[in-house]
mmCIF file of all heavy atoms, coordinates in Angstrom:
data_MODEL
# 
_entry.id   MODEL 
# 
loop_
_atom_site.group_PDB 
_atom_site.id 
_atom_site.type_symbol 
_atom_site.label_atom_id 
_atom_site.label_alt_id 
_atom_site.label_comp_id 
_atom_site.label_asym_id 
_atom_site.label_entity_id 
_atom_site.label_seq_id 
_atom_site.pdbx_PDB_ins_code 
_atom_site.Cartn_x 
_atom_site.Cartn_y 
_atom_site.Cartn_z 
_atom_site.occupancy 
_atom_site.B_iso_or_equiv 
_atom_site.pdbx_formal_charge 
_atom_site.auth_seq_id 
_atom_site.auth_comp_id 
_atom_site.auth_asym_id 
_atom_site.auth_atom_id 
_atom_site.pdbx_PDB_model_num 
ATOM 1   N N   . GLY A 1 1  ? 0.790  -1.225  0.015   1.00 0.00 ? 1  GLY A N   1 
ATOM 2   C CA  . GLY A 1 1  ? -0.001 0.006   -0.015  1.00 0.00 ? 1  GLY A CA  1 
ATOM 3   C C   . GLY A 1 1  ? 0.805  1.285   -0.005  1.00 0.00 ? 1  GLY A C   1 
ATOM 4   O O   . GLY A 1 1  ? 0.278  2.356   0.292   1.00 0.00 ? 1  GLY A O   1 
ATOM 5   N N   . ALA A 1 2  ? 2.079  1.206   -0.380  1.00 0.00 ? 2  ALA A N   1 
ATOM 6   C CA  . ALA A 1 2  ? 2.926  2.393   -0.433  1.00 0.00 ? 2  ALA A CA  1 
ATOM 7   C C   . ALA A 1 2  ? 2.422  3.338   -1.516  1.00 0.00 ? 2  ALA A C   1 
ATOM 8   O O   . ALA A 1 2  ? 1.996  2.872   -2.569  1.00 0.00 ? 2  ALA A O   1 
ATOM 9   C CB  . ALA A 1 2  ? 4.388  2.029   -0.671  1.00 0.00 ? 2  ALA A CB  1 
ATOM 10  N N   . PRO A 1 3  ? 2.441  4.647   -1.257  1.00 0.00 ? 3  PRO A N   1 
ATOM 11  C CA  . PRO A 1 3  ? 2.040  5.591   -2.292  1.00 0.00 ? 3  PRO A CA  1 
ATOM 12  C C   . PRO A 1 3  ? 3.057  5.605   -3.454  1.00 0.00 ? 3  PRO A C   1 
ATOM 13  O O   . PRO A 1 3  ? 4.208  5.225   -3.278  1.00 0.00 ? 3  PRO A O   1 
ATOM 14  C CB  . PRO A 1 3  ? 2.054  6.922   -1.550  1.00 0.00 ? 3  PRO A CB  1 
ATOM 15  C CG  . PRO A 1 3  ? 2.942  6.749   -0.387  1.00 0.00 ? 3  PRO A CG  1 
ATOM 16  C CD  . PRO A 1 3  ? 2.892  5.301   -0.022  1.00 0.00 ? 3  PRO A CD  1 
ATOM 17  N N   . TRP A 1 4  ? 2.574  6.046   -4.606  1.00 0.00 ? 4  TRP A N   1 
ATOM 18  C CA  . TRP A 1 4  ? 3.443  6.067   -5.804  1.00 0.00 ? 4  TRP A CA  1 
ATOM 19  C C   . TRP A 1 4  ? 4.735  6.878   -5.550  1.00 0.00 ? 4  TRP A C   1 
ATOM 20  O O   . TRP A 1 4  ? 5.789  6.513   -6.055  1.00 0.00 ? 4  TRP A O   1 
ATOM 21  C CB  . TRP A 1 4  ? 2.686  6.652   -6.975  1.00 0.00 ? 4  TRP A CB  1 
ATOM 22  C CG  . TRP A 1 4  ? 3.553  6.893   -8.151  1.00 0.00 ? 4  TRP A CG  1 
ATOM 23  C CD1 . TRP A 1 4  ? 3.897  8.104   -8.718  1.00 0.00 ? 4  TRP A CD1 1 
ATOM 24  C CD2 . TRP A 1 4  ? 4.247  5.910   -8.968  1.00 0.00 ? 4  TRP A CD2 1 
ATOM 25  N NE1 . TRP A 1 4  ? 4.744  7.936   -9.758  1.00 0.00 ? 4  TRP A NE1 1 
ATOM 26  C CE2 . TRP A 1 4  ? 4.975  6.583   -9.949  1.00 0.00 ? 4  TRP A CE2 1 
ATOM 27  C CE3 . TRP A 1 4  ? 4.359  4.528   -8.882  1.00 0.00 ? 4  TRP A CE3 1 
ATOM 28  C CZ2 . TRP A 1 4  ? 5.770  5.942   -10.868 1.00 0.00 ? 4  TRP A CZ2 1 
ATOM 29  C CZ3 . TRP A 1 4  ? 5.144  3.869   -9.856  1.00 0.00 ? 4  TRP A CZ3 1 
ATOM 30  C CH2 . TRP A 1 4  ? 5.823  4.566   -10.796 1.00 0.00 ? 4  TRP A CH2 1 
ATOM 31  N N   . GLU A 1 5  ? 4.628  7.946   -4.823  1.00 0.00 ? 5  GLU A N   1 
ATOM 32  C CA  . GLU A 1 5  ? 5.811  8.795   -4.535  1.00 0.00 ? 5  GLU A CA  1 
ATOM 33  C C   . GLU A 1 5  ? 6.927  7.993   -3.886  1.00 0.00 ? 5  GLU A C   1 
ATOM 34  O O   . GLU A 1 5  ? 8.088  8.299   -4.055  1.00 0.00 ? 5  GLU A O   1 
ATOM 35  C CB  . GLU A 1 5  ? 5.432  9.993   -3.654  1.00 0.00 ? 5  GLU A CB  1 
ATOM 36  C CG  . GLU A 1 5  ? 4.521  10.970  -4.318  1.00 0.00 ? 5  GLU A CG  1 
ATOM 37  C CD  . GLU A 1 5  ? 3.052  10.532  -4.253  1.00 0.00 ? 5  GLU A CD  1 
ATOM 38  O OE1 . GLU A 1 5  ? 2.672  9.651   -3.432  1.00 0.00 ? 5  GLU A OE1 1 
ATOM 39  O OE2 . GLU A 1 5  ? 2.267  11.056  -5.092  1.00 0.00 ? 5  GLU A OE2 1 
ATOM 40  N N   . GLN A 1 6  ? 6.555  7.043   -3.088  1.00 0.00 ? 6  GLN A N   1 
ATOM 41  C CA  . GLN A 1 6  ? 7.547  6.201   -2.385  1.00 0.00 ? 6  GLN A CA  1 
ATOM 42  C C   . GLN A 1 6  ? 8.179  5.178   -3.297  1.00 0.00 ? 6  GLN A C   1 
ATOM 43  O O   . GLN A 1 6  ? 9.305  4.756   -3.111  1.00 0.00 ? 6  GLN A O   1 
ATOM 44  C CB  . GLN A 1 6  ? 6.886  5.510   -1.200  1.00 0.00 ? 6  GLN A CB  1 
ATOM 45  C CG  . GLN A 1 6  ? 7.858  4.725   -0.303  1.00 0.00 ? 6  GLN A CG  1 
ATOM 46  C CD  . GLN A 1 6  ? 7.119  4.161   0.917   1.00 0.00 ? 6  GLN A CD  1 
ATOM 47  O OE1 . GLN A 1 6  ? 6.072  4.629   1.288   1.00 0.00 ? 6  GLN A OE1 1 
ATOM 48  N NE2 . GLN A 1 6  ? 7.738  3.116   1.464   1.00 0.00 ? 6  GLN A NE2 1 
ATOM 49  N N   . VAL A 1 7  ? 7.447  4.751   -4.308  1.00 0.00 ? 7  VAL A N   1 
ATOM 50  C CA  . VAL A 1 7  ? 7.885  3.677   -5.241  1.00 0.00 ? 7  VAL A CA  1 
ATOM 51  C C   . VAL A 1 7  ? 8.528  4.210   -6.482  1.00 0.00 ? 7  VAL A C   1 
ATOM 52  O O   . VAL A 1 7  ? 9.265  3.531   -7.169  1.00 0.00 ? 7  VAL A O   1 
ATOM 53  C CB  . VAL A 1 7  ? 6.686  2.755   -5.572  1.00 0.00 ? 7  VAL A CB  1 
ATOM 54  C CG1 . VAL A 1 7  ? 7.091  1.621   -6.463  1.00 0.00 ? 7  VAL A CG1 1 
ATOM 55  C CG2 . VAL A 1 7  ? 6.061  2.199   -4.285  1.00 0.00 ? 7  VAL A CG2 1 
ATOM 56  N N   . ALA A 1 8  ? 8.269  5.442   -6.826  1.00 0.00 ? 8  ALA A N   1 
ATOM 57  C CA  . ALA A 1 8  ? 8.625  6.030   -8.102  1.00 0.00 ? 8  ALA A CA  1 
ATOM 58  C C   . ALA A 1 8  ? 10.121 5.965   -8.402  1.00 0.00 ? 8  ALA A C   1 
ATOM 59  O O   . ALA A 1 8  ? 10.559 5.675   -9.525  1.00 0.00 ? 8  ALA A O   1 
ATOM 60  C CB  . ALA A 1 8  ? 8.160  7.481   -8.202  1.00 0.00 ? 8  ALA A CB  1 
ATOM 61  N N   . ALA A 1 9  ? 10.957 6.216   -7.421  1.00 0.00 ? 9  ALA A N   1 
ATOM 62  C CA  . ALA A 1 9  ? 12.394 6.226   -7.650  1.00 0.00 ? 9  ALA A CA  1 
ATOM 63  C C   . ALA A 1 9  ? 12.907 4.814   -8.074  1.00 0.00 ? 9  ALA A C   1 
ATOM 64  O O   . ALA A 1 9  ? 13.634 4.690   -9.016  1.00 0.00 ? 9  ALA A O   1 
ATOM 65  C CB  . ALA A 1 9  ? 13.154 6.704   -6.422  1.00 0.00 ? 9  ALA A CB  1 
ATOM 66  N N   . GLU A 1 10 ? 12.470 3.774   -7.309  1.00 0.00 ? 10 GLU A N   1 
ATOM 67  C CA  . GLU A 1 10 ? 12.890 2.437   -7.652  1.00 0.00 ? 10 GLU A CA  1 
ATOM 68  C C   . GLU A 1 10 ? 12.378 2.032   -9.055  1.00 0.00 ? 10 GLU A C   1 
ATOM 69  O O   . GLU A 1 10 ? 13.096 1.442   -9.797  1.00 0.00 ? 10 GLU A O   1 
ATOM 70  C CB  . GLU A 1 10 ? 12.400 1.405   -6.612  1.00 0.00 ? 10 GLU A CB  1 
ATOM 71  C CG  . GLU A 1 10 ? 13.171 1.453   -5.319  1.00 0.00 ? 10 GLU A CG  1 
ATOM 72  C CD  . GLU A 1 10 ? 12.444 2.207   -4.239  1.00 0.00 ? 10 GLU A CD  1 
ATOM 73  O OE1 . GLU A 1 10 ? 11.591 3.061   -4.572  1.00 0.00 ? 10 GLU A OE1 1 
ATOM 74  O OE2 . GLU A 1 10 ? 12.709 1.932   -3.045  1.00 0.00 ? 10 GLU A OE2 1 
ATOM 75  N N   . TRP A 1 11 ? 11.108 2.401   -9.338  1.00 0.00 ? 11 TRP A N   1 
ATOM 76  C CA  . TRP A 1 11 ? 10.532 2.053   -10.616 1.00 0.00 ? 11 TRP A CA  1 
ATOM 77  C C   . TRP A 1 11 ? 11.317 2.730   -11.751 1.00 0.00 ? 11 TRP A C   1 
ATOM 78  O O   . TRP A 1 11 ? 11.562 2.137   -12.789 1.00 0.00 ? 11 TRP A O   1 
ATOM 79  C CB  . TRP A 1 11 ? 9.050  2.422   -10.663 1.00 0.00 ? 11 TRP A CB  1 
ATOM 80  C CG  . TRP A 1 11 ? 8.406  2.104   -11.970 1.00 0.00 ? 11 TRP A CG  1 
ATOM 81  C CD1 . TRP A 1 11 ? 8.012  2.980   -12.944 1.00 0.00 ? 11 TRP A CD1 1 
ATOM 82  C CD2 . TRP A 1 11 ? 8.128  0.795   -12.459 1.00 0.00 ? 11 TRP A CD2 1 
ATOM 83  N NE1 . TRP A 1 11 ? 7.498  2.271   -14.016 1.00 0.00 ? 11 TRP A NE1 1 
ATOM 84  C CE2 . TRP A 1 11 ? 7.556  0.943   -13.737 1.00 0.00 ? 11 TRP A CE2 1 
ATOM 85  C CE3 . TRP A 1 11 ? 8.307  -0.478  -11.945 1.00 0.00 ? 11 TRP A CE3 1 
ATOM 86  C CZ2 . TRP A 1 11 ? 7.131  -0.136  -14.504 1.00 0.00 ? 11 TRP A CZ2 1 
ATOM 87  C CZ3 . TRP A 1 11 ? 7.900  -1.547  -12.717 1.00 0.00 ? 11 TRP A CZ3 1 
ATOM 88  C CH2 . TRP A 1 11 ? 7.322  -1.394  -13.946 1.00 0.00 ? 11 TRP A CH2 1 
ATOM 89  N N   . THR A 1 12 ? 11.650 4.004   -11.545 1.00 0.00 ? 12 THR A N   1 
ATOM 90  C CA  . THR A 1 12 ? 12.399 4.758   -12.580 1.00 0.00 ? 12 THR A CA  1 
ATOM 91  C C   . THR A 1 12 ? 13.749 4.134   -12.813 1.00 0.00 ? 12 THR A C   1 
ATOM 92  O O   . THR A 1 12 ? 14.170 3.914   -13.976 1.00 0.00 ? 12 THR A O   1 
ATOM 93  C CB  . THR A 1 12 ? 12.532 6.225   -12.153 1.00 0.00 ? 12 THR A CB  1 
ATOM 94  O OG1 . THR A 1 12 ? 11.214 6.782   -11.976 1.00 0.00 ? 12 THR A OG1 1 
ATOM 95  C CG2 . THR A 1 12 ? 13.294 7.003   -13.204 1.00 0.00 ? 12 THR A CG2 1 
ATOM 96  N N   . ILE A 1 13 ? 14.461 3.791   -11.764 1.00 0.00 ? 13 ILE A N   1 
ATOM 97  C CA  . ILE A 1 13 ? 15.795 3.154   -11.894 1.00 0.00 ? 13 ILE A CA  1 
ATOM 98  C C   . ILE A 1 13 ? 15.661 1.805   -12.610 1.00 0.00 ? 13 ILE A C   1 
ATOM 99  O O   . ILE A 1 13 ? 16.438 1.489   -13.481 1.00 0.00 ? 13 ILE A O   1 
ATOM 100 C CB  . ILE A 1 13 ? 16.467 2.972   -10.515 1.00 0.00 ? 13 ILE A CB  1 
ATOM 101 C CG1 . ILE A 1 13 ? 16.824 4.357   -9.924  1.00 0.00 ? 13 ILE A CG1 1 
ATOM 102 C CG2 . ILE A 1 13 ? 17.702 2.124   -10.605 1.00 0.00 ? 13 ILE A CG2 1 
ATOM 103 C CD1 . ILE A 1 13 ? 17.209 4.362   -8.473  1.00 0.00 ? 13 ILE A CD1 1 
ATOM 104 N N   . PHE A 1 14 ? 14.650 1.028   -12.225 1.00 0.00 ? 14 PHE A N   1 
ATOM 105 C CA  . PHE A 1 14 ? 14.421 -0.273  -12.878 1.00 0.00 ? 14 PHE A CA  1 
ATOM 106 C C   . PHE A 1 14 ? 14.166 -0.088  -14.379 1.00 0.00 ? 14 PHE A C   1 
ATOM 107 O O   . PHE A 1 14 ? 14.764 -0.810  -15.175 1.00 0.00 ? 14 PHE A O   1 
ATOM 108 C CB  . PHE A 1 14 ? 13.247 -0.987  -12.204 1.00 0.00 ? 14 PHE A CB  1 
ATOM 109 C CG  . PHE A 1 14 ? 12.835 -2.194  -12.941 1.00 0.00 ? 14 PHE A CG  1 
ATOM 110 C CD1 . PHE A 1 14 ? 13.569 -3.380  -12.835 1.00 0.00 ? 14 PHE A CD1 1 
ATOM 111 C CD2 . PHE A 1 14 ? 11.692 -2.197  -13.760 1.00 0.00 ? 14 PHE A CD2 1 
ATOM 112 C CE1 . PHE A 1 14 ? 13.182 -4.502  -13.524 1.00 0.00 ? 14 PHE A CE1 1 
ATOM 113 C CE2 . PHE A 1 14 ? 11.298 -3.326  -14.446 1.00 0.00 ? 14 PHE A CE2 1 
ATOM 114 C CZ  . PHE A 1 14 ? 12.060 -4.500  -14.309 1.00 0.00 ? 14 PHE A CZ  1 
ATOM 115 N N   . MET A 1 15 ? 13.292 0.842   -14.721 1.00 0.00 ? 15 MET A N   1 
ATOM 116 C CA  . MET A 1 15 ? 12.974 1.050   -16.167 1.00 0.00 ? 15 MET A CA  1 
ATOM 117 C C   . MET A 1 15 ? 14.158 1.570   -16.940 1.00 0.00 ? 15 MET A C   1 
ATOM 118 O O   . MET A 1 15 ? 14.403 1.123   -18.061 1.00 0.00 ? 15 MET A O   1 
ATOM 119 C CB  . MET A 1 15 ? 11.778 1.981   -16.302 1.00 0.00 ? 15 MET A CB  1 
ATOM 120 C CG  . MET A 1 15 ? 10.452 1.359   -15.808 1.00 0.00 ? 15 MET A CG  1 
ATOM 121 S SD  . MET A 1 15 ? 10.104 -0.220  -16.518 1.00 0.00 ? 15 MET A SD  1 
ATOM 122 C CE  . MET A 1 15 ? 9.855  0.201   -18.253 1.00 0.00 ? 15 MET A CE  1 
ATOM 123 N N   . VAL A 1 16 ? 14.941 2.458   -16.374 1.00 0.00 ? 16 VAL A N   1 
ATOM 124 C CA  . VAL A 1 16 ? 16.148 2.960   -17.068 1.00 0.00 ? 16 VAL A CA  1 
ATOM 125 C C   . VAL A 1 16 ? 17.110 1.832   -17.297 1.00 0.00 ? 16 VAL A C   1 
ATOM 126 O O   . VAL A 1 16 ? 17.689 1.659   -18.366 1.00 0.00 ? 16 VAL A O   1 
ATOM 127 C CB  . VAL A 1 16 ? 16.803 4.143   -16.270 1.00 0.00 ? 16 VAL A CB  1 
ATOM 128 C CG1 . VAL A 1 16 ? 18.175 4.456   -16.773 1.00 0.00 ? 16 VAL A CG1 1 
ATOM 129 C CG2 . VAL A 1 16 ? 15.893 5.363   -16.329 1.00 0.00 ? 16 VAL A CG2 1 
ATOM 130 N N   . LEU A 1 17 ? 17.290 0.997   -16.281 1.00 0.00 ? 17 LEU A N   1 
ATOM 131 C CA  . LEU A 1 17 ? 18.193 -0.151  -16.393 1.00 0.00 ? 17 LEU A CA  1 
ATOM 132 C C   . LEU A 1 17 ? 17.697 -1.127  -17.440 1.00 0.00 ? 17 LEU A C   1 
ATOM 133 O O   . LEU A 1 17 ? 18.473 -1.604  -18.298 1.00 0.00 ? 17 LEU A O   1 
ATOM 134 C CB  . LEU A 1 17 ? 18.325 -0.863  -15.044 1.00 0.00 ? 17 LEU A CB  1 
ATOM 135 C CG  . LEU A 1 17 ? 19.219 -2.098  -14.976 1.00 0.00 ? 17 LEU A CG  1 
ATOM 136 C CD1 . LEU A 1 17 ? 20.618 -1.780  -15.366 1.00 0.00 ? 17 LEU A CD1 1 
ATOM 137 C CD2 . LEU A 1 17 ? 19.167 -2.703  -13.578 1.00 0.00 ? 17 LEU A CD2 1 
ATOM 138 N N   . ALA A 1 18 ? 16.402 -1.457  -17.426 1.00 0.00 ? 18 ALA A N   1 
ATOM 139 C CA  . ALA A 1 18 ? 15.843 -2.417  -18.364 1.00 0.00 ? 18 ALA A CA  1 
ATOM 140 C C   . ALA A 1 18 ? 15.948 -1.916  -19.804 1.00 0.00 ? 18 ALA A C   1 
ATOM 141 O O   . ALA A 1 18 ? 16.403 -2.634  -20.693 1.00 0.00 ? 18 ALA A O   1 
ATOM 142 C CB  . ALA A 1 18 ? 14.402 -2.713  -18.025 1.00 0.00 ? 18 ALA A CB  1 
ATOM 143 N N   . VAL A 1 19 ? 15.523 -0.686  -20.037 1.00 0.00 ? 19 VAL A N   1 
ATOM 144 C CA  . VAL A 1 19 ? 15.580 -0.128  -21.376 1.00 0.00 ? 19 VAL A CA  1 
ATOM 145 C C   . VAL A 1 19 ? 17.011 0.023   -21.871 1.00 0.00 ? 19 VAL A C   1 
ATOM 146 O O   . VAL A 1 19 ? 17.357 -0.277  -22.997 1.00 0.00 ? 19 VAL A O   1 
ATOM 147 C CB  . VAL A 1 19 ? 14.803 1.222   -21.474 1.00 0.00 ? 19 VAL A CB  1 
ATOM 148 C CG1 . VAL A 1 19 ? 15.042 1.944   -22.763 1.00 0.00 ? 19 VAL A CG1 1 
ATOM 149 C CG2 . VAL A 1 19 ? 13.336 0.984   -21.225 1.00 0.00 ? 19 VAL A CG2 1 
ATOM 150 N N   . GLY A 1 20 ? 17.878 0.467   -20.956 1.00 0.00 ? 20 GLY A N   1 
ATOM 151 C CA  . GLY A 1 20 ? 19.309 0.577   -21.333 1.00 0.00 ? 20 GLY A CA  1 
ATOM 152 C C   . GLY A 1 20 ? 19.940 -0.723  -21.682 1.00 0.00 ? 20 GLY A C   1 
ATOM 153 O O   . GLY A 1 20 ? 20.710 -0.804  -22.668 1.00 0.00 ? 20 GLY A O   1 
ATOM 154 N N   . LEU A 1 21 ? 19.647 -1.790  -20.967 1.00 0.00 ? 21 LEU A N   1 
ATOM 155 C CA  . LEU A 1 21 ? 20.149 -3.109  -21.288 1.00 0.00 ? 21 LEU A CA  1 
ATOM 156 C C   . LEU A 1 21 ? 19.678 -3.584  -22.647 1.00 0.00 ? 21 LEU A C   1 
ATOM 157 O O   . LEU A 1 21 ? 20.431 -4.138  -23.458 1.00 0.00 ? 21 LEU A O   1 
ATOM 158 C CB  . LEU A 1 21 ? 19.768 -4.122  -20.208 1.00 0.00 ? 21 LEU A CB  1 
ATOM 159 C CG  . LEU A 1 21 ? 20.513 -4.001  -18.881 1.00 0.00 ? 21 LEU A CG  1 
ATOM 160 C CD1 . LEU A 1 21 ? 19.888 -4.927  -17.849 1.00 0.00 ? 21 LEU A CD1 1 
ATOM 161 C CD2 . LEU A 1 21 ? 21.978 -4.366  -19.084 1.00 0.00 ? 21 LEU A CD2 1 
ATOM 162 N N   . VAL A 1 22 ? 18.360 -3.395  -22.905 1.00 0.00 ? 22 VAL A N   1 
ATOM 163 C CA  . VAL A 1 22 ? 17.829 -3.816  -24.175 1.00 0.00 ? 22 VAL A CA  1 
ATOM 164 C C   . VAL A 1 22 ? 18.490 -3.095  -25.337 1.00 0.00 ? 22 VAL A C   1 
ATOM 165 O O   . VAL A 1 22 ? 18.916 -3.679  -26.321 1.00 0.00 ? 22 VAL A O   1 
ATOM 166 C CB  . VAL A 1 22 ? 16.276 -3.633  -24.221 1.00 0.00 ? 22 VAL A CB  1 
ATOM 167 C CG1 . VAL A 1 22 ? 15.721 -3.780  -25.606 1.00 0.00 ? 22 VAL A CG1 1 
ATOM 168 C CG2 . VAL A 1 22 ? 15.603 -4.585  -23.259 1.00 0.00 ? 22 VAL A CG2 1 
ATOM 169 N N   . ILE A 1 23 ? 18.627 -1.774  -25.230 1.00 0.00 ? 23 ILE A N   1 
ATOM 170 C CA  . ILE A 1 23 ? 19.226 -0.984  -26.311 1.00 0.00 ? 23 ILE A CA  1 
ATOM 171 C C   . ILE A 1 23 ? 20.704 -1.373  -26.483 1.00 0.00 ? 23 ILE A C   1 
ATOM 172 O O   . ILE A 1 23 ? 21.171 -1.602  -27.624 1.00 0.00 ? 23 ILE A O   1 
ATOM 173 C CB  . ILE A 1 23 ? 19.087 0.529   -25.996 1.00 0.00 ? 23 ILE A CB  1 
ATOM 174 C CG1 . ILE A 1 23 ? 17.614 0.911   -26.153 1.00 0.00 ? 23 ILE A CG1 1 
ATOM 175 C CG2 . ILE A 1 23 ? 19.976 1.336   -26.940 1.00 0.00 ? 23 ILE A CG2 1 
ATOM 176 C CD1 . ILE A 1 23 ? 17.302 2.352   -25.670 1.00 0.00 ? 23 ILE A CD1 1 
ATOM 177 N N   . ALA A 1 24 ? 21.461 -1.490  -25.381 1.00 0.00 ? 24 ALA A N   1 
ATOM 178 C CA  . ALA A 1 24 ? 22.867 -1.820  -25.477 1.00 0.00 ? 24 ALA A CA  1 
ATOM 179 C C   . ALA A 1 24 ? 23.068 -3.195  -26.115 1.00 0.00 ? 24 ALA A C   1 
ATOM 180 O O   . ALA A 1 24 ? 23.977 -3.371  -26.966 1.00 0.00 ? 24 ALA A O   1 
ATOM 181 C CB  . ALA A 1 24 ? 23.502 -1.746  -24.086 1.00 0.00 ? 24 ALA A CB  1 
ATOM 182 N N   . CYS A 1 25 ? 22.272 -4.152  -25.736 1.00 0.00 ? 25 CYS A N   1 
ATOM 183 C CA  . CYS A 1 25 ? 22.399 -5.503  -26.301 1.00 0.00 ? 25 CYS A CA  1 
ATOM 184 C C   . CYS A 1 25 ? 21.994 -5.541  -27.759 1.00 0.00 ? 25 CYS A C   1 
ATOM 185 O O   . CYS A 1 25 ? 22.700 -6.146  -28.583 1.00 0.00 ? 25 CYS A O   1 
ATOM 186 C CB  . CYS A 1 25 ? 21.584 -6.499  -25.493 1.00 0.00 ? 25 CYS A CB  1 
ATOM 187 S SG  . CYS A 1 25 ? 22.297 -6.883  -23.857 1.00 0.00 ? 25 CYS A SG  1 
ATOM 188 N N   . ALA A 1 26 ? 20.901 -4.900  -28.127 1.00 0.00 ? 26 ALA A N   1 
ATOM 189 C CA  . ALA A 1 26 ? 20.448 -4.894  -29.514 1.00 0.00 ? 26 ALA A CA  1 
ATOM 190 C C   . ALA A 1 26 ? 21.499 -4.210  -30.407 1.00 0.00 ? 26 ALA A C   1 
ATOM 191 O O   . ALA A 1 26 ? 21.723 -4.700  -31.523 1.00 0.00 ? 26 ALA A O   1 
ATOM 192 C CB  . ALA A 1 26 ? 19.102 -4.224  -29.637 1.00 0.00 ? 26 ALA A CB  1 
ATOM 193 N N   . ARG A 1 27 ? 22.108 -3.126  -29.943 1.00 0.00 ? 27 ARG A N   1 
ATOM 194 C CA  . ARG A 1 27 ? 23.086 -2.454  -30.752 1.00 0.00 ? 27 ARG A CA  1 
ATOM 195 C C   . ARG A 1 27 ? 24.332 -3.292  -31.013 1.00 0.00 ? 27 ARG A C   1 
ATOM 196 O O   . ARG A 1 27 ? 25.016 -3.111  -32.012 1.00 0.00 ? 27 ARG A O   1 
ATOM 197 C CB  . ARG A 1 27 ? 23.530 -1.145  -30.056 1.00 0.00 ? 27 ARG A CB  1 
ATOM 198 C CG  . ARG A 1 27 ? 22.452 -0.065  -30.088 1.00 0.00 ? 27 ARG A CG  1 
ATOM 199 C CD  . ARG A 1 27 ? 22.965 1.227   -29.547 1.00 0.00 ? 27 ARG A CD  1 
ATOM 200 N NE  . ARG A 1 27 ? 23.967 1.758   -30.436 1.00 0.00 ? 27 ARG A NE  1 
ATOM 201 C CZ  . ARG A 1 27 ? 24.968 2.556   -30.030 1.00 0.00 ? 27 ARG A CZ  1 
ATOM 202 N NH1 . ARG A 1 27 ? 25.103 2.874   -28.770 1.00 0.00 ? 27 ARG A NH1 1 
ATOM 203 N NH2 . ARG A 1 27 ? 25.853 2.989   -30.907 1.00 0.00 ? 27 ARG A NH2 1 
ATOM 204 N N   . ARG A 1 28 ? 24.560 -4.241  -30.122 1.00 0.00 ? 28 ARG A N   1 
ATOM 205 C CA  . ARG A 1 28 ? 25.747 -5.099  -30.269 1.00 0.00 ? 28 ARG A CA  1 
ATOM 206 C C   . ARG A 1 28 ? 25.400 -6.470  -30.861 1.00 0.00 ? 28 ARG A C   1 
ATOM 207 O O   . ARG A 1 28 ? 26.207 -7.363  -30.980 1.00 0.00 ? 28 ARG A O   1 
ATOM 208 C CB  . ARG A 1 28 ? 26.421 -5.302  -28.919 1.00 0.00 ? 28 ARG A CB  1 
ATOM 209 C CG  . ARG A 1 28 ? 27.153 -4.016  -28.519 1.00 0.00 ? 28 ARG A CG  1 
ATOM 210 C CD  . ARG A 1 28 ? 27.518 -3.993  -27.059 1.00 0.00 ? 28 ARG A CD  1 
ATOM 211 N NE  . ARG A 1 28 ? 28.169 -2.763  -26.693 1.00 0.00 ? 28 ARG A NE  1 
ATOM 212 C CZ  . ARG A 1 28 ? 27.587 -1.603  -26.418 1.00 0.00 ? 28 ARG A CZ  1 
ATOM 213 N NH1 . ARG A 1 28 ? 26.255 -1.543  -26.501 1.00 0.00 ? 28 ARG A NH1 1 
ATOM 214 N NH2 . ARG A 1 28 ? 28.249 -0.545  -26.018 1.00 0.00 ? 28 ARG A NH2 1 
ATOM 215 N N   . GLY A 1 29 ? 24.097 -6.625  -31.230 1.00 0.00 ? 29 GLY A N   1 
ATOM 216 C CA  . GLY A 1 29 ? 23.672 -7.880  -31.826 1.00 0.00 ? 29 GLY A CA  1 
ATOM 217 C C   . GLY A 1 29 ? 23.607 -9.023  -30.850 1.00 0.00 ? 29 GLY A C   1 
ATOM 218 O O   . GLY A 1 29 ? 23.723 -10.211 -31.207 1.00 0.00 ? 29 GLY A O   1 
# 
């Protein structure tokens, strides 16, 4: 039941990491 403000930082870091990994791997085949 944590408010979004409490979870937003972890979610943002997770999404940046996930998208960054996908882009980096795809660029290298």
